[in-house]
Protein backbone atom coordinates (compact mmCIF):
# COMPACT_ATOMS: atom_id res chain seq x y z
CA MET A 1 7.96 -40.11 5.92
CA SER A 2 9.16 -38.36 8.17
CA VAL A 3 10.40 -39.48 11.77
CA GLY A 4 9.26 -39.02 14.60
CA ARG A 5 10.45 -36.99 17.64
CA ASN A 6 11.22 -40.57 20.01
CA ASP A 7 12.23 -42.00 17.09
CA PRO A 8 15.95 -42.93 16.98
CA CYS A 9 17.47 -40.04 14.74
CA PRO A 10 18.13 -41.42 11.34
CA CYS A 11 21.79 -40.27 11.61
CA GLY A 12 22.93 -43.63 13.32
CA SER A 13 23.94 -42.46 15.99
CA GLY A 14 21.05 -44.79 18.64
CA GLU A 15 19.84 -41.56 20.45
CA LYS A 16 16.24 -39.85 19.71
CA TYR A 17 15.82 -37.89 17.07
CA LYS A 18 13.76 -35.30 19.23
CA LYS A 19 18.24 -35.31 21.27
CA CYS A 20 20.34 -35.64 18.15
CA CYS A 21 19.32 -34.54 15.12
CA MET A 22 16.19 -32.38 15.25
CA LEU A 23 17.42 -28.89 16.05
CA LYS A 24 19.81 -29.17 13.28
CA ASP A 25 16.73 -30.08 10.69
CA ASP A 26 14.65 -26.62 12.18
CA VAL A 27 17.30 -24.87 11.76
CA ALA A 28 18.03 -25.34 7.73
CA ARG A 29 14.55 -25.50 7.20
CA SER A 30 14.33 -22.19 8.69
CA VAL A 31 16.94 -21.19 6.47
CA ALA A 32 14.91 -21.90 3.67
CA SER A 33 12.38 -20.71 4.49
CA ALA A 34 14.46 -17.37 4.94
CA ALA A 35 15.95 -17.93 1.97
CA ASP A 36 12.28 -18.63 0.46
CA ALA A 37 10.64 -14.66 1.42
CA VAL A 38 14.22 -13.09 1.01
CA LYS A 39 13.81 -14.73 -3.14
CA ARG A 40 9.97 -13.35 -2.89
CA LYS A 41 10.62 -10.26 -1.66
CA ALA A 42 13.52 -9.45 -4.35
CA GLU A 43 11.44 -10.46 -8.02
CA LYS A 44 8.55 -8.73 -6.26
CA GLU A 45 10.85 -5.36 -5.81
CA ALA A 46 12.13 -6.24 -9.52
CA ASP A 47 8.61 -6.65 -10.66
CA GLU A 48 7.84 -3.27 -9.90
CA LYS A 49 10.92 -1.68 -10.84
CA ALA A 50 10.15 -2.53 -14.30
CA GLU A 51 6.09 -1.77 -14.31
CA LYS A 52 7.73 1.44 -12.65
CA ALA A 53 10.44 2.00 -15.58
CA GLU A 54 7.92 1.05 -18.07
CA LYS A 55 5.29 3.50 -16.93
CA ALA A 56 7.23 6.58 -17.33
CA GLU A 57 8.88 5.08 -20.59
CA ALA A 58 4.85 5.13 -21.67
CA GLU A 59 4.59 9.22 -19.40
CA ARG A 60 7.89 10.36 -22.05
CA LYS A 61 6.90 9.32 -25.18
CA ALA A 62 3.61 10.33 -24.94
CA ALA A 63 4.82 13.68 -24.04
CA ALA A 64 6.99 13.62 -26.56
CA GLY A 65 4.57 12.47 -29.35
CA GLU A 66 6.04 9.34 -29.61
CA GLY A 67 3.61 6.28 -30.81
CA THR A 68 1.47 9.08 -32.16
CA GLY A 69 2.71 9.51 -36.36
CA GLY A 70 5.05 12.09 -34.90
CA ARG A 71 2.48 14.34 -34.05
CA PRO A 72 0.79 15.28 -30.30
CA HIS A 73 -2.66 14.71 -30.01
CA ALA A 74 -2.68 13.21 -33.46
CA GLY A 75 -6.70 12.13 -34.61
CA ARG A 76 -8.46 15.10 -31.74
CA ALA A 77 -9.30 18.55 -32.56
CA PRO A 78 -7.53 21.18 -30.45
CA ALA A 79 -10.54 22.38 -27.34
CA PRO A 80 -12.93 24.92 -27.77
CA PRO A 81 -11.39 28.30 -25.35
CA ALA A 82 -12.78 28.90 -21.76
CA THR A 83 -16.03 30.88 -22.25
CA ALA A 84 -16.68 33.03 -19.16
CA HIS A 85 -21.00 31.77 -19.24
CA SER A 86 -21.83 28.21 -19.32
CA LYS A 87 -23.86 27.06 -20.99
CA SER A 88 -26.90 27.19 -18.44
CA SER A 89 -26.35 31.10 -19.01
CA ALA A 90 -26.51 30.96 -22.20
CA ARG A 91 -29.90 28.87 -22.74
CA ALA A 92 -31.46 31.41 -20.17
CA SER A 93 -30.69 34.43 -21.42
CA SER A 94 -31.98 33.04 -24.72
CA ALA A 95 -35.32 32.34 -23.66
CA ALA A 96 -38.43 34.09 -24.22
CA PRO A 97 -39.21 35.83 -21.00
CA ILE A 98 -41.58 34.82 -18.59
CA ARG A 99 -44.74 37.07 -18.96
CA LYS A 100 -47.77 37.51 -16.17
CA ARG A 101 -50.71 35.17 -16.83
CA THR A 102 -53.66 37.92 -16.41
CA VAL A 103 -57.44 37.12 -15.49
């Protein structure tokens, strides 16, 4: 049960709550709320730092070839060398010449 502003103060002073302990209670709630916010922010930053470290470790392992049986890019064939012609130009050169229709 909460204490109303105009109720007698629960500390036993005989004054109204709003003139006695309400300000102290409000400050205590504010401090607790701020402490929770700081704690949540610290936890979030720690999580982000851990994720960043895990990602960096995974990238380091990938660059070193770890996790692939000691072979870089295990299971993949080497990429073919780049050519000067694209596939579309290769097809065009191998096609038969176009003949004009005579009437």
